[in-house]
Amino acid sequence: MKIFRRNKGLLVLSIVLNVLFSAVAVGAAFVLENILNAVTEQNWVLFGAMIRVVLLYTLAVALICALEGVCTKKQLALTVDHIRSDKYYGILSRDTEQYQGVNTADYLSALTNDVKTIEENMLLPLMQTIR
């Protein structure tokens, strides 16, 4: 959880946008219900109004989805960057004897493959769970 503390604002914004997206998706069911009721009752005034609401809903969903996607991707990118920076400075802080005792490939693996594994197996599922 320490890695998320650096970007609390972005994380909170991503969570809020996810919740807002879910609320809008639930609201769409009510709009569809009204459209079906208007058609079955042949209430064309209500049907026209609901079509306008659908257009507004489509715009709202697209905007919320785009903002949420940008925030989530930015959050993940910053988090991965912080993890890499922490690993990098951890490697640089070693004394010469410790540094030479480890193969260079292990350092490269820690900075690339290991961080990618953390991103794919921990960070992405966590963000999807929030969604």
C-alpha atoms as a PDB file:
ATOM      1  CA  MET A   1       0.000   0.000   0.000  1.00  0.00           C
ATOM      2  CA  LYS A   2       3.035   2.245   0.410  1.00  0.00           C
ATOM      3  CA  ILE A   3       3.337   2.539  -3.362  1.00  0.00           C
ATOM      4  CA  PHE A   4      -0.151   4.035  -3.652  1.00  0.00           C
ATOM      5  CA  ARG A   5       0.476   6.738  -1.038  1.00  0.00           C
ATOM      6  CA  ARG A   6       2.548   8.790  -3.458  1.00  0.00           C
ATOM      7  CA  ASN A   7      -0.406   9.288  -5.815  1.00  0.00           C
ATOM      8  CA  LYS A   8      -3.347   9.331  -3.425  1.00  0.00           C
ATOM      9  CA  GLY A   9      -5.239  11.988  -5.326  1.00  0.00           C
ATOM     10  CA  LEU A  10      -5.090  10.120  -8.607  1.00  0.00           C
ATOM     11  CA  LEU A  11      -6.075   6.859  -6.924  1.00  0.00           C
ATOM     12  CA  VAL A  12      -9.063   8.502  -5.230  1.00  0.00           C
ATOM     13  CA  LEU A  13     -10.105  10.106  -8.522  1.00  0.00           C
ATOM     14  CA  SER A  14      -9.907   6.719 -10.271  1.00  0.00           C
ATOM     15  CA  ILE A  15     -12.047   5.111  -7.574  1.00  0.00           C
ATOM     16  CA  VAL A  16     -14.617   7.928  -7.689  1.00  0.00           C
ATOM     17  CA  LEU A  17     -14.840   7.688 -11.482  1.00  0.00           C
ATOM     18  CA  ASN A  18     -15.277   3.903 -11.237  1.00  0.00           C
ATOM     19  CA  VAL A  19     -18.133   4.330  -8.770  1.00  0.00           C
ATOM     20  CA  LEU A  20     -19.677   7.059 -10.916  1.00  0.00           C
ATOM     21  CA  PHE A  21     -19.438   4.824 -13.991  1.00  0.00           C
ATOM     22  CA  SER A  22     -21.221   2.038 -12.105  1.00  0.00           C
ATOM     23  CA  ALA A  23     -23.961   4.429 -11.012  1.00  0.00           C
ATOM     24  CA  VAL A  24     -24.485   5.655 -14.560  1.00  0.00           C
ATOM     25  CA  ALA A  25     -24.639   2.054 -15.801  1.00  0.00           C
ATOM     26  CA  VAL A  26     -27.366   1.269 -13.251  1.00  0.00           C
ATOM     27  CA  GLY A  27     -29.236   4.416 -14.262  1.00  0.00           C
ATOM     28  CA  ALA A  28     -29.200   3.226 -17.864  1.00  0.00           C
ATOM     29  CA  ALA A  29     -31.454   0.310 -16.864  1.00  0.00           C
ATOM     30  CA  PHE A  30     -34.092   2.763 -15.665  1.00  0.00           C
ATOM     31  CA  VAL A  31     -33.852   4.734 -18.886  1.00  0.00           C
ATOM     32  CA  LEU A  32     -34.305   1.552 -20.922  1.00  0.00           C
ATOM     33  CA  GLU A  33     -37.297   0.640 -18.781  1.00  0.00           C
ATOM     34  CA  ASN A  34     -38.893   4.006 -19.563  1.00  0.00           C
ATOM     35  CA  ILE A  35     -38.201   3.561 -23.270  1.00  0.00           C
ATOM     36  CA  LEU A  36     -39.882   0.155 -23.276  1.00  0.00           C
ATOM     37  CA  ASN A  37     -42.843   1.514 -21.310  1.00  0.00           C
ATOM     38  CA  ALA A  38     -43.186   4.434 -23.716  1.00  0.00           C
ATOM     39  CA  VAL A  39     -43.202   2.113 -26.741  1.00  0.00           C
ATOM     40  CA  THR A  40     -45.663  -0.375 -25.246  1.00  0.00           C
ATOM     41  CA  GLU A  41     -47.991   2.439 -24.152  1.00  0.00           C
ATOM     42  CA  GLN A  42     -47.377   4.284 -27.427  1.00  0.00           C
ATOM     43  CA  ASN A  43     -46.455   7.426 -25.510  1.00  0.00           C
ATOM     44  CA  TRP A  44     -44.342   9.128 -28.178  1.00  0.00           C
ATOM     45  CA  VAL A  45     -43.725  12.260 -26.123  1.00  0.00           C
ATOM     46  CA  LEU A  46     -42.089  10.162 -23.400  1.00  0.00           C
ATOM     47  CA  PHE A  47     -40.256   8.168 -26.062  1.00  0.00           C
ATOM     48  CA  GLY A  48     -38.776  11.349 -27.581  1.00  0.00           C
ATOM     49  CA  ALA A  49     -37.730  12.585 -24.170  1.00  0.00           C
ATOM     50  CA  MET A  50     -36.084   9.248 -23.385  1.00  0.00           C
ATOM     51  CA  ILE A  51     -34.176   9.312 -26.681  1.00  0.00           C
ATOM     52  CA  ARG A  52     -32.721  12.690 -25.665  1.00  0.00           C
ATOM     53  CA  VAL A  53     -31.844  11.230 -22.263  1.00  0.00           C
ATOM     54  CA  VAL A  54     -30.128   8.294 -23.993  1.00  0.00           C
ATOM     55  CA  LEU A  55     -28.004  10.713 -26.003  1.00  0.00           C
ATOM     56  CA  LEU A  56     -26.992  12.551 -22.833  1.00  0.00           C
ATOM     57  CA  TYR A  57     -26.303   9.235 -21.106  1.00  0.00           C
ATOM     58  CA  THR A  58     -24.110   8.146 -23.988  1.00  0.00           C
ATOM     59  CA  LEU A  59     -22.082  11.342 -23.706  1.00  0.00           C
ATOM     60  CA  ALA A  60     -21.803  10.968 -19.919  1.00  0.00           C
ATOM     61  CA  VAL A  61     -20.725   7.333 -20.137  1.00  0.00           C
ATOM     62  CA  ALA A  62     -18.146   8.117 -22.826  1.00  0.00           C
ATOM     63  CA  LEU A  63     -16.729  11.022 -20.823  1.00  0.00           C
ATOM     64  CA  ILE A  64     -16.613   9.099 -17.539  1.00  0.00           C
ATOM     65  CA  CYS A  65     -15.123   6.029 -19.221  1.00  0.00           C
ATOM     66  CA  ALA A  66     -12.433   8.089 -20.942  1.00  0.00           C
ATOM     67  CA  LEU A  67     -11.521   9.980 -17.760  1.00  0.00           C
ATOM     68  CA  GLU A  68     -11.443   6.771 -15.744  1.00  0.00           C
ATOM     69  CA  GLY A  69      -9.228   5.084 -18.320  1.00  0.00           C
ATOM     70  CA  VAL A  70      -6.789   7.984 -18.389  1.00  0.00           C
ATOM     71  CA  CYS A  71      -6.652   8.207 -14.579  1.00  0.00           C
ATOM     72  CA  THR A  72      -6.191   4.467 -14.142  1.00  0.00           C
ATOM     73  CA  LYS A  73      -3.436   4.270 -16.780  1.00  0.00           C
ATOM     74  CA  LYS A  74      -1.693   7.311 -15.314  1.00  0.00           C
ATOM     75  CA  GLN A  75      -1.943   5.797 -11.822  1.00  0.00           C
ATOM     76  CA  LEU A  76      -0.445   2.516 -13.027  1.00  0.00           C
ATOM     77  CA  ALA A  77       2.339   4.254 -14.946  1.00  0.00           C
ATOM     78  CA  LEU A  78       3.312   6.421 -11.972  1.00  0.00           C
ATOM     79  CA  THR A  79       3.190   3.463  -9.596  1.00  0.00           C
ATOM     80  CA  VAL A  80       5.392   1.328 -11.857  1.00  0.00           C
ATOM     81  CA  ASP A  81       7.782   4.269 -12.251  1.00  0.00           C
ATOM     82  CA  HIS A  82       8.023   4.625  -8.466  1.00  0.00           C
ATOM     83  CA  ILE A  83       8.671   0.896  -8.049  1.00  0.00           C
ATOM     84  CA  ARG A  84      11.439   1.038 -10.649  1.00  0.00           C
ATOM     85  CA  SER A  85      12.941   4.125  -8.997  1.00  0.00           C
ATOM     86  CA  ASP A  86      12.910   2.443  -5.595  1.00  0.00           C
ATOM     87  CA  LYS A  87      14.617  -0.645  -7.029  1.00  0.00           C
ATOM     88  CA  TYR A  88      17.135   1.484  -8.903  1.00  0.00           C
ATOM     89  CA  TYR A  89      18.097   3.518  -5.846  1.00  0.00           C
ATOM     90  CA  GLY A  90      18.210   0.313  -3.802  1.00  0.00           C
ATOM     91  CA  ILE A  91      20.739  -1.105  -6.234  1.00  0.00           C
ATOM     92  CA  LEU A  92      22.788   2.110  -6.268  1.00  0.00           C
ATOM     93  CA  SER A  93      22.841   2.310  -2.486  1.00  0.00           C
ATOM     94  CA  ARG A  94      24.730  -0.977  -2.188  1.00  0.00           C
ATOM     95  CA  ASP A  95      28.402  -0.865  -1.423  1.00  0.00           C
ATOM     96  CA  THR A  96      30.870  -2.135  -4.025  1.00  0.00           C
ATOM     97  CA  GLU A  97      31.248  -5.568  -2.477  1.00  0.00           C
ATOM     98  CA  GLN A  98      27.499  -6.206  -2.357  1.00  0.00           C
ATOM     99  CA  TYR A  99      27.043  -4.833  -5.868  1.00  0.00           C
ATOM    100  CA  GLN A 100      29.712  -7.054  -7.399  1.00  0.00           C
ATOM    101  CA  GLY A 101      28.424 -10.110  -5.549  1.00  0.00           C
ATOM    102  CA  VAL A 102      25.289 -10.177  -7.723  1.00  0.00           C
ATOM    103  CA  ASN A 103      25.170 -10.849 -11.437  1.00  0.00           C
ATOM    104  CA  THR A 104      24.288  -7.837 -13.592  1.00  0.00           C
ATOM    105  CA  ALA A 105      21.498  -9.836 -15.237  1.00  0.00           C
ATOM    106  CA  ASP A 106      19.778 -10.090 -11.850  1.00  0.00           C
ATOM    107  CA  TYR A 107      19.755  -6.305 -11.561  1.00  0.00           C
ATOM    108  CA  LEU A 108      18.338  -5.920 -15.055  1.00  0.00           C
ATOM    109  CA  SER A 109      15.733  -8.565 -14.304  1.00  0.00           C
ATOM    110  CA  ALA A 110      14.714  -6.737 -11.136  1.00  0.00           C
ATOM    111  CA  LEU A 111      14.275  -3.478 -13.049  1.00  0.00           C
ATOM    112  CA  THR A 112      12.384  -4.961 -16.006  1.00  0.00           C
ATOM    113  CA  ASN A 113      10.886  -8.438 -15.661  1.00  0.00           C
ATOM    114  CA  ASP A 114      10.164  -8.341 -11.942  1.00  0.00           C
ATOM    115  CA  VAL A 115       8.494  -4.941 -12.124  1.00  0.00           C
ATOM    116  CA  LYS A 116       6.448  -6.076 -15.129  1.00  0.00           C
ATOM    117  CA  THR A 117       5.353  -9.153 -13.159  1.00  0.00           C
ATOM    118  CA  ILE A 118       4.302  -6.945 -10.237  1.00  0.00           C
ATOM    119  CA  GLU A 119       2.328  -4.730 -12.622  1.00  0.00           C
ATOM    120  CA  GLU A 120       0.546  -7.606 -14.359  1.00  0.00           C
ATOM    121  CA  ASN A 121      -0.078  -9.836 -11.335  1.00  0.00           C
ATOM    122  CA  MET A 122      -0.729  -7.299  -8.584  1.00  0.00           C
ATOM    123  CA  LEU A 123      -1.444  -3.775  -9.791  1.00  0.00           C
ATOM    124  CA  LEU A 124      -3.721  -4.510 -12.758  1.00  0.00           C
ATOM    125  CA  PRO A 125      -5.881  -7.055 -10.860  1.00  0.00           C
ATOM    126  CA  LEU A 126      -6.130  -4.623  -7.939  1.00  0.00           C
ATOM    127  CA  MET A 127      -7.359  -1.826 -10.202  1.00  0.00           C
ATOM    128  CA  GLN A 128      -9.791  -4.225 -11.899  1.00  0.00           C
ATOM    129  CA  THR A 129     -11.090  -5.296  -8.495  1.00  0.00           C
ATOM    130  CA  ILE A 130     -11.777  -1.671  -7.645  1.00  0.00           C
ATOM    131  CA  ARG A 131     -13.630  -1.355 -10.947  1.00  0.00           C
END
